[in-house]
Amino acid sequence: MNITFAELRRIKHQLPTGSVKKIANSLNIEEQTVRNYFGANKFNEGDFVGKHIQSGPNGGIVNIKDDTILTAAKKILHEVQFATP
């Protein structure tokens, strides 16, 4: 799947506090791996996340091999959007 780096960061920044931990726990991965997926580069603390960034507008195009983390993030955003107060 392809997504702009700017869109990937926008999704990450919209996540409520604690979402990175929630995603990591649900997928049984390190929190830093989730952060790396969304643009961080601390690979000594988290795993490589199988993405390639090609230079271009909006931070370039990110080719994601596995969208599991992105799907989990979008699910959280959907739940927050439709949550009743």
PDB file of N, CA and C in Angstrom:
ATOM      1  N   MET A   1       0.844  -1.171   0.000  1.00  0.00           N
ATOM      2  CA  MET A   1       0.000   0.000   0.000  1.00  0.00           C
ATOM      3  C   MET A   1       0.885   1.228   0.000  1.00  0.00           C
ATOM      4  N   ASN A   2       0.454   2.283  -0.661  1.00  0.00           N
ATOM      5  CA  ASN A   2       1.182   3.550  -0.690  1.00  0.00           C
ATOM      6  C   ASN A   2       0.377   4.629   0.013  1.00  0.00           C
ATOM      7  N   ILE A   3       1.080   5.485   0.760  1.00  0.00           N
ATOM      8  CA  ILE A   3       0.478   6.600   1.480  1.00  0.00           C
ATOM      9  C   ILE A   3       1.532   7.696   1.563  1.00  0.00           C
ATOM     10  N   THR A   4       1.114   8.955   1.568  1.00  0.00           N
ATOM     11  CA  THR A   4       2.119   9.999   1.717  1.00  0.00           C
ATOM     12  C   THR A   4       2.621  10.013   3.162  1.00  0.00           C
ATOM     13  N   PHE A   5       3.854  10.424   3.326  1.00  0.00           N
ATOM     14  CA  PHE A   5       4.425  10.516   4.666  1.00  0.00           C
ATOM     15  C   PHE A   5       3.616  11.498   5.502  1.00  0.00           C
ATOM     16  N   ALA A   6       3.172  12.597   4.883  1.00  0.00           N
ATOM     17  CA  ALA A   6       2.370  13.595   5.600  1.00  0.00           C
ATOM     18  C   ALA A   6       1.069  12.982   6.116  1.00  0.00           C
ATOM     19  N   GLU A   7       0.415  12.148   5.319  1.00  0.00           N
ATOM     20  CA  GLU A   7      -0.826  11.498   5.743  1.00  0.00           C
ATOM     21  C   GLU A   7      -0.562  10.513   6.880  1.00  0.00           C
ATOM     22  N   LEU A   8       0.518   9.771   6.779  1.00  0.00           N
ATOM     23  CA  LEU A   8       0.882   8.825   7.829  1.00  0.00           C
ATOM     24  C   LEU A   8       1.103   9.561   9.159  1.00  0.00           C
ATOM     25  N   ARG A   9       1.805  10.685   9.110  1.00  0.00           N
ATOM     26  CA  ARG A   9       2.057  11.480  10.320  1.00  0.00           C
ATOM     27  C   ARG A   9       0.757  12.105  10.835  1.00  0.00           C
ATOM     28  N   ARG A  10      -0.115  12.526   9.917  1.00  0.00           N
ATOM     29  CA  ARG A  10      -1.397  13.115  10.331  1.00  0.00           C
ATOM     30  C   ARG A  10      -2.216  12.095  11.125  1.00  0.00           C
ATOM     31  N   ILE A  11      -2.244  10.878  10.643  1.00  0.00           N
ATOM     32  CA  ILE A  11      -2.971   9.821  11.345  1.00  0.00           C
ATOM     33  C   ILE A  11      -2.373   9.617  12.730  1.00  0.00           C
ATOM     34  N   LYS A  12      -1.065   9.553  12.808  1.00  0.00           N
ATOM     35  CA  LYS A  12      -0.407   9.346  14.100  1.00  0.00           C
ATOM     36  C   LYS A  12      -0.738  10.469  15.073  1.00  0.00           C
ATOM     37  N   HIS A  13      -0.700  11.707  14.599  1.00  0.00           N
ATOM     38  CA  HIS A  13      -0.945  12.859  15.472  1.00  0.00           C
ATOM     39  C   HIS A  13      -2.406  12.965  15.909  1.00  0.00           C
ATOM     40  N   GLN A  14      -3.316  12.357  15.194  1.00  0.00           N
ATOM     41  CA  GLN A  14      -4.727  12.365  15.575  1.00  0.00           C
ATOM     42  C   GLN A  14      -5.055  11.322  16.634  1.00  0.00           C
ATOM     43  N   LEU A  15      -4.174  10.357  16.811  1.00  0.00           N
ATOM     44  CA  LEU A  15      -4.443   9.295  17.780  1.00  0.00           C
ATOM     45  C   LEU A  15      -4.490   9.849  19.200  1.00  0.00           C
ATOM     46  N   PRO A  16      -5.437   9.399  20.005  1.00  0.00           N
ATOM     47  CA  PRO A  16      -5.502   9.838  21.390  1.00  0.00           C
ATOM     48  C   PRO A  16      -4.289   9.338  22.181  1.00  0.00           C
ATOM     49  N   THR A  17      -3.998  10.018  23.265  1.00  0.00           N
ATOM     50  CA  THR A  17      -2.912   9.617  24.149  1.00  0.00           C
ATOM     51  C   THR A  17      -3.095   8.159  24.559  1.00  0.00           C
ATOM     52  N   GLY A  18      -2.020   7.420  24.532  1.00  0.00           N
ATOM     53  CA  GLY A  18      -2.056   6.014  24.913  1.00  0.00           C
ATOM     54  C   GLY A  18      -2.296   5.061  23.759  1.00  0.00           C
ATOM     55  N   SER A  19      -2.556   5.589  22.575  1.00  0.00           N
ATOM     56  CA  SER A  19      -2.866   4.729  21.426  1.00  0.00           C
ATOM     57  C   SER A  19      -1.673   3.903  20.969  1.00  0.00           C
ATOM     58  N   VAL A  20      -0.477   4.481  21.023  1.00  0.00           N
ATOM     59  CA  VAL A  20       0.712   3.730  20.610  1.00  0.00           C
ATOM     60  C   VAL A  20       0.865   2.494  21.495  1.00  0.00           C
ATOM     61  N   LYS A  21       0.698   2.683  22.789  1.00  0.00           N
ATOM     62  CA  LYS A  21       0.791   1.558  23.728  1.00  0.00           C
ATOM     63  C   LYS A  21      -0.318   0.544  23.465  1.00  0.00           C
ATOM     64  N   LYS A  22      -1.520   1.031  23.216  1.00  0.00           N
ATOM     65  CA  LYS A  22      -2.661   0.150  22.949  1.00  0.00           C
ATOM     66  C   LYS A  22      -2.419  -0.694  21.703  1.00  0.00           C
ATOM     67  N   ILE A  23      -1.923  -0.060  20.638  1.00  0.00           N
ATOM     68  CA  ILE A  23      -1.628  -0.782  19.399  1.00  0.00           C
ATOM     69  C   ILE A  23      -0.530  -1.814  19.641  1.00  0.00           C
ATOM     70  N   ALA A  24       0.532  -1.400  20.316  1.00  0.00           N
ATOM     71  CA  ALA A  24       1.647  -2.311  20.592  1.00  0.00           C
ATOM     72  C   ALA A  24       1.186  -3.519  21.398  1.00  0.00           C
ATOM     73  N   ASN A  25       0.407  -3.267  22.440  1.00  0.00           N
ATOM     74  CA  ASN A  25      -0.077  -4.370  23.277  1.00  0.00           C
ATOM     75  C   ASN A  25      -0.985  -5.314  22.497  1.00  0.00           C
ATOM     76  N   SER A  26      -1.875  -4.757  21.677  1.00  0.00           N
ATOM     77  CA  SER A  26      -2.810  -5.603  20.935  1.00  0.00           C
ATOM     78  C   SER A  26      -2.113  -6.458  19.879  1.00  0.00           C
ATOM     79  N   LEU A  27      -0.987  -5.962  19.360  1.00  0.00           N
ATOM     80  CA  LEU A  27      -0.257  -6.705  18.328  1.00  0.00           C
ATOM     81  C   LEU A  27       0.957  -7.446  18.889  1.00  0.00           C
ATOM     82  N   ASN A  28       1.163  -7.313  20.209  1.00  0.00           N
ATOM     83  CA  ASN A  28       2.286  -7.964  20.884  1.00  0.00           C
ATOM     84  C   ASN A  28       3.630  -7.568  20.270  1.00  0.00           C
ATOM     85  N   ILE A  29       3.814  -6.249  20.098  1.00  0.00           N
ATOM     86  CA  ILE A  29       5.063  -5.698  19.576  1.00  0.00           C
ATOM     87  C   ILE A  29       5.523  -4.572  20.491  1.00  0.00           C
ATOM     88  N   GLU A  30       6.743  -4.103  20.298  1.00  0.00           N
ATOM     89  CA  GLU A  30       7.289  -3.005  21.082  1.00  0.00           C
ATOM     90  C   GLU A  30       6.619  -1.680  20.693  1.00  0.00           C
ATOM     91  N   GLU A  31       6.440  -0.803  21.673  1.00  0.00           N
ATOM     92  CA  GLU A  31       5.880   0.521  21.390  1.00  0.00           C
ATOM     93  C   GLU A  31       6.739   1.268  20.376  1.00  0.00           C
ATOM     94  N   GLN A  32       8.066   1.133  20.483  1.00  0.00           N
ATOM     95  CA  GLN A  32       8.951   1.843  19.561  1.00  0.00           C
ATOM     96  C   GLN A  32       8.768   1.360  18.130  1.00  0.00           C
ATOM     97  N   THR A  33       8.383   0.115  17.947  1.00  0.00           N
ATOM     98  CA  THR A  33       8.104  -0.387  16.598  1.00  0.00           C
ATOM     99  C   THR A  33       6.923   0.372  15.998  1.00  0.00           C
ATOM    100  N   VAL A  34       5.898   0.639  16.813  1.00  0.00           N
ATOM    101  CA  VAL A  34       4.745   1.417  16.346  1.00  0.00           C
ATOM    102  C   VAL A  34       5.195   2.840  16.005  1.00  0.00           C
ATOM    103  N   ARG A  35       6.010   3.436  16.872  1.00  0.00           N
ATOM    104  CA  ARG A  35       6.511   4.786  16.595  1.00  0.00           C
ATOM    105  C   ARG A  35       7.338   4.814  15.308  1.00  0.00           C
ATOM    106  N   ASN A  36       8.192   3.800  15.116  1.00  0.00           N
ATOM    107  CA  ASN A  36       8.996   3.709  13.897  1.00  0.00           C
ATOM    108  C   ASN A  36       8.113   3.613  12.658  1.00  0.00           C
ATOM    109  N   TYR A  37       7.023   2.900  12.770  1.00  0.00           N
ATOM    110  CA  TYR A  37       6.081   2.749  11.660  1.00  0.00           C
ATOM    111  C   TYR A  37       5.554   4.107  11.207  1.00  0.00           C
ATOM    112  N   PHE A  38       5.326   4.990  12.190  1.00  0.00           N
ATOM    113  CA  PHE A  38       4.772   6.310  11.889  1.00  0.00           C
ATOM    114  C   PHE A  38       5.830   7.368  11.656  1.00  0.00           C
ATOM    115  N   GLY A  39       7.090   6.984  11.495  1.00  0.00           N
ATOM    116  CA  GLY A  39       8.105   7.937  11.076  1.00  0.00           C
ATOM    117  C   GLY A  39       9.311   8.081  11.971  1.00  0.00           C
ATOM    118  N   ALA A  40       9.284   7.532  13.180  1.00  0.00           N
ATOM    119  CA  ALA A  40      10.465   7.592  14.036  1.00  0.00           C
ATOM    120  C   ALA A  40      11.538   6.657  13.468  1.00  0.00           C
ATOM    121  N   ASN A  41      12.763   6.851  13.880  1.00  0.00           N
ATOM    122  CA  ASN A  41      13.855   6.030  13.353  1.00  0.00           C
ATOM    123  C   ASN A  41      14.766   5.519  14.458  1.00  0.00           C
ATOM    124  N   LYS A  42      14.199   4.996  15.526  1.00  0.00           N
ATOM    125  CA  LYS A  42      14.985   4.453  16.628  1.00  0.00           C
ATOM    126  C   LYS A  42      14.963   2.928  16.538  1.00  0.00           C
ATOM    127  N   PHE A  43      15.668   2.412  15.560  1.00  0.00           N
ATOM    128  CA  PHE A  43      15.610   0.979  15.300  1.00  0.00           C
ATOM    129  C   PHE A  43      16.390   0.162  16.327  1.00  0.00           C
ATOM    130  N   ASN A  44      17.240   0.819  17.142  1.00  0.00           N
ATOM    131  CA  ASN A  44      17.932   0.078  18.189  1.00  0.00           C
ATOM    132  C   ASN A  44      16.976  -0.261  19.333  1.00  0.00           C
ATOM    133  N   GLU A  45      15.809   0.406  19.388  1.00  0.00           N
ATOM    134  CA  GLU A  45      14.824   0.150  20.438  1.00  0.00           C
ATOM    135  C   GLU A  45      13.588  -0.589  19.926  1.00  0.00           C
ATOM    136  N   GLY A  46      13.304  -0.509  18.659  1.00  0.00           N
ATOM    137  CA  GLY A  46      12.136  -1.170  18.074  1.00  0.00           C
ATOM    138  C   GLY A  46      12.543  -1.887  16.817  1.00  0.00           C
ATOM    139  N   ASP A  47      11.631  -2.626  16.263  1.00  0.00           N
ATOM    140  CA  ASP A  47      11.934  -3.391  15.058  1.00  0.00           C
ATOM    141  C   ASP A  47      11.788  -2.547  13.801  1.00  0.00           C
ATOM    142  N   PHE A  48      12.419  -3.024  12.741  1.00  0.00           N
ATOM    143  CA  PHE A  48      12.229  -2.465  11.409  1.00  0.00           C
ATOM    144  C   PHE A  48      10.804  -2.794  10.994  1.00  0.00           C
ATOM    145  N   VAL A  49      10.123  -1.874  10.340  1.00  0.00           N
ATOM    146  CA  VAL A  49       8.697  -2.041  10.105  1.00  0.00           C
ATOM    147  C   VAL A  49       8.308  -2.309   8.650  1.00  0.00           C
ATOM    148  N   GLY A  50       9.247  -2.575   7.782  1.00  0.00           N
ATOM    149  CA  GLY A  50       8.916  -2.960   6.414  1.00  0.00           C
ATOM    150  C   GLY A  50       8.271  -1.867   5.600  1.00  0.00           C
ATOM    151  N   LYS A  51       8.941  -0.740   5.512  1.00  0.00           N
ATOM    152  CA  LYS A  51       8.424   0.349   4.698  1.00  0.00           C
ATOM    153  C   LYS A  51       9.566   0.971   3.920  1.00  0.00           C
ATOM    154  N   HIS A  52       9.238   1.638   2.843  1.00  0.00           N
ATOM    155  CA  HIS A  52      10.211   2.332   2.019  1.00  0.00           C
ATOM    156  C   HIS A  52       9.647   3.708   1.712  1.00  0.00           C
ATOM    157  N   ILE A  53      10.462   4.749   1.908  1.00  0.00           N
ATOM    158  CA  ILE A  53      10.015   6.116   1.626  1.00  0.00           C
ATOM    159  C   ILE A  53      10.721   6.604   0.373  1.00  0.00           C
ATOM    160  N   GLN A  54       9.927   7.039  -0.589  1.00  0.00           N
ATOM    161  CA  GLN A  54      10.450   7.612  -1.830  1.00  0.00           C
ATOM    162  C   GLN A  54      10.244   9.115  -1.767  1.00  0.00           C
ATOM    163  N   SER A  55      11.276   9.889  -2.001  1.00  0.00           N
ATOM    164  CA  SER A  55      11.194  11.349  -1.933  1.00  0.00           C
ATOM    165  C   SER A  55      10.107  11.886  -2.844  1.00  0.00           C
ATOM    166  N   GLY A  56       9.504  12.997  -2.400  1.00  0.00           N
ATOM    167  CA  GLY A  56       8.475  13.640  -3.196  1.00  0.00           C
ATOM    168  C   GLY A  56       7.692  14.632  -2.364  1.00  0.00           C
ATOM    169  N   PRO A  57       6.635  15.217  -2.923  1.00  0.00           N
ATOM    170  CA  PRO A  57       5.810  16.173  -2.192  1.00  0.00           C
ATOM    171  C   PRO A  57       5.160  15.523  -0.968  1.00  0.00           C
ATOM    172  N   ASN A  58       4.803  16.338   0.004  1.00  0.00           N
ATOM    173  CA  ASN A  58       4.160  15.875   1.238  1.00  0.00           C
ATOM    174  C   ASN A  58       5.004  14.856   1.992  1.00  0.00           C
ATOM    175  N   GLY A  59       6.324  15.032   1.931  1.00  0.00           N
ATOM    176  CA  GLY A  59       7.225  14.138   2.644  1.00  0.00           C
ATOM    177  C   GLY A  59       7.563  12.877   1.881  1.00  0.00           C
ATOM    178  N   GLY A  60       7.016  12.740   0.710  1.00  0.00           N
ATOM    179  CA  GLY A  60       7.290  11.563  -0.106  1.00  0.00           C
ATOM    180  C   GLY A  60       6.200  10.517   0.020  1.00  0.00           C
ATOM    181  N   ILE A  61       6.396   9.443  -0.693  1.00  0.00           N
ATOM    182  CA  ILE A  61       5.454   8.331  -0.691  1.00  0.00           C
ATOM    183  C   ILE A  61       6.055   7.199   0.149  1.00  0.00           C
ATOM    184  N   VAL A  62       5.247   6.678   1.046  1.00  0.00           N
ATOM    185  CA  VAL A  62       5.671   5.562   1.883  1.00  0.00           C
ATOM    186  C   VAL A  62       5.001   4.300   1.340  1.00  0.00           C
ATOM    187  N   ASN A  63       5.819   3.333   0.974  1.00  0.00           N
ATOM    188  CA  ASN A  63       5.304   2.048   0.538  1.00  0.00           C
ATOM    189  C   ASN A  63       5.348   1.127   1.748  1.00  0.00           C
ATOM    190  N   ILE A  64       4.171   0.726   2.217  1.00  0.00           N
ATOM    191  CA  ILE A  64       4.045  -0.100   3.411  1.00  0.00           C
ATOM    192  C   ILE A  64       3.760  -1.540   2.991  1.00  0.00           C
ATOM    193  N   LYS A  65       4.572  -2.446   3.487  1.00  0.00           N
ATOM    194  CA  LYS A  65       4.420  -3.867   3.149  1.00  0.00           C
ATOM    195  C   LYS A  65       3.309  -4.526   3.961  1.00  0.00           C
ATOM    196  N   ASP A  66       3.138  -4.102   5.220  1.00  0.00           N
ATOM    197  CA  ASP A  66       2.149  -4.703   6.118  1.00  0.00           C
ATOM    198  C   ASP A  66       1.377  -3.563   6.776  1.00  0.00           C
ATOM    199  N   ASP A  67       0.086  -3.481   6.514  1.00  0.00           N
ATOM    200  CA  ASP A  67      -0.707  -2.356   7.031  1.00  0.00           C
ATOM    201  C   ASP A  67      -1.422  -2.659   8.353  1.00  0.00           C
ATOM    202  N   THR A  68      -0.976  -3.683   9.076  1.00  0.00           N
ATOM    203  CA  THR A  68      -1.626  -4.073  10.328  1.00  0.00           C
ATOM    204  C   THR A  68      -1.640  -2.925  11.343  1.00  0.00           C
ATOM    205  N   ILE A  69      -0.520  -2.244  11.510  1.00  0.00           N
ATOM    206  CA  ILE A  69      -0.439  -1.137  12.467  1.00  0.00           C
ATOM    207  C   ILE A  69      -1.334   0.010  12.007  1.00  0.00           C
ATOM    208  N   LEU A  70      -1.286   0.330  10.736  1.00  0.00           N
ATOM    209  CA  LEU A  70      -2.117   1.403  10.198  1.00  0.00           C
ATOM    210  C   LEU A  70      -3.601   1.080  10.361  1.00  0.00           C
ATOM    211  N   THR A  71      -3.977  -0.154  10.124  1.00  0.00           N
ATOM    212  CA  THR A  71      -5.369  -0.577  10.292  1.00  0.00           C
ATOM    213  C   THR A  71      -5.799  -0.423  11.748  1.00  0.00           C
ATOM    214  N   ALA A  72      -4.930  -0.804  12.682  1.00  0.00           N
ATOM    215  CA  ALA A  72      -5.238  -0.657  14.109  1.00  0.00           C
ATOM    216  C   ALA A  72      -5.405   0.819  14.475  1.00  0.00           C
ATOM    217  N   ALA A  73      -4.563   1.676  13.933  1.00  0.00           N
ATOM    218  CA  ALA A  73      -4.654   3.112  14.208  1.00  0.00           C
ATOM    219  C   ALA A  73      -5.958   3.681  13.654  1.00  0.00           C
ATOM    220  N   LYS A  74      -6.310   3.305  12.437  1.00  0.00           N
ATOM    221  CA  LYS A  74      -7.555   3.789  11.833  1.00  0.00           C
ATOM    222  C   LYS A  74      -8.777   3.302  12.606  1.00  0.00           C
ATOM    223  N   LYS A  75      -8.699   2.086  13.144  1.00  0.00           N
ATOM    224  CA  LYS A  75      -9.793   1.564  13.952  1.00  0.00           C
ATOM    225  C   LYS A  75      -9.974   2.415  15.209  1.00  0.00           C
ATOM    226  N   ILE A  76      -8.882   2.783  15.856  1.00  0.00           N
ATOM    227  CA  ILE A  76      -8.949   3.639  17.043  1.00  0.00           C
ATOM    228  C   ILE A  76      -9.555   4.993  16.683  1.00  0.00           C
ATOM    229  N   LEU A  77      -9.106   5.572  15.582  1.00  0.00           N
ATOM    230  CA  LEU A  77      -9.651   6.868  15.157  1.00  0.00           C
ATOM    231  C   LEU A  77     -11.148   6.762  14.877  1.00  0.00           C
ATOM    232  N   HIS A  78     -11.571   5.683  14.268  1.00  0.00           N
ATOM    233  CA  HIS A  78     -12.990   5.465  13.982  1.00  0.00           C
ATOM    234  C   HIS A  78     -13.785   5.351  15.282  1.00  0.00           C
ATOM    235  N   GLU A  79     -13.247   4.599  16.235  1.00  0.00           N
ATOM    236  CA  GLU A  79     -13.925   4.439  17.534  1.00  0.00           C
ATOM    237  C   GLU A  79     -14.052   5.775  18.264  1.00  0.00           C
ATOM    238  N   VAL A  80     -13.004   6.583  18.226  1.00  0.00           N
ATOM    239  CA  VAL A  80     -13.031   7.891  18.895  1.00  0.00           C
ATOM    240  C   VAL A  80     -14.030   8.805  18.210  1.00  0.00           C
ATOM    241  N   GLN A  81     -14.059   8.771  16.887  1.00  0.00           N
ATOM    242  CA  GLN A  81     -14.950   9.635  16.116  1.00  0.00           C
ATOM    243  C   GLN A  81     -16.415   9.336  16.419  1.00  0.00           C
ATOM    244  N   PHE A  82     -16.733   8.059  16.614  1.00  0.00           N
ATOM    245  CA  PHE A  82     -18.129   7.678  16.815  1.00  0.00           C
ATOM    246  C   PHE A  82     -18.462   7.327  18.261  1.00  0.00           C
ATOM    247  N   ALA A  83     -17.567   7.646  19.183  1.00  0.00           N
ATOM    248  CA  ALA A  83     -17.820   7.390  20.594  1.00  0.00           C
ATOM    249  C   ALA A  83     -18.885   8.360  21.117  1.00  0.00           C
ATOM    250  N   THR A  84     -19.722   7.867  21.976  1.00  0.00           N
ATOM    251  CA  THR A  84     -20.727   8.735  22.580  1.00  0.00           C
ATOM    252  C   THR A  84     -20.157   9.310  23.866  1.00  0.00           C
ATOM    253  N   PRO A  85     -20.400  10.600  24.111  1.00  0.00           N
ATOM    254  CA  PRO A  85     -19.826  11.237  25.310  1.00  0.00           C
ATOM    255  C   PRO A  85     -20.417  10.729  26.603  1.00  0.00           C
TER     256      PRO A  85
END
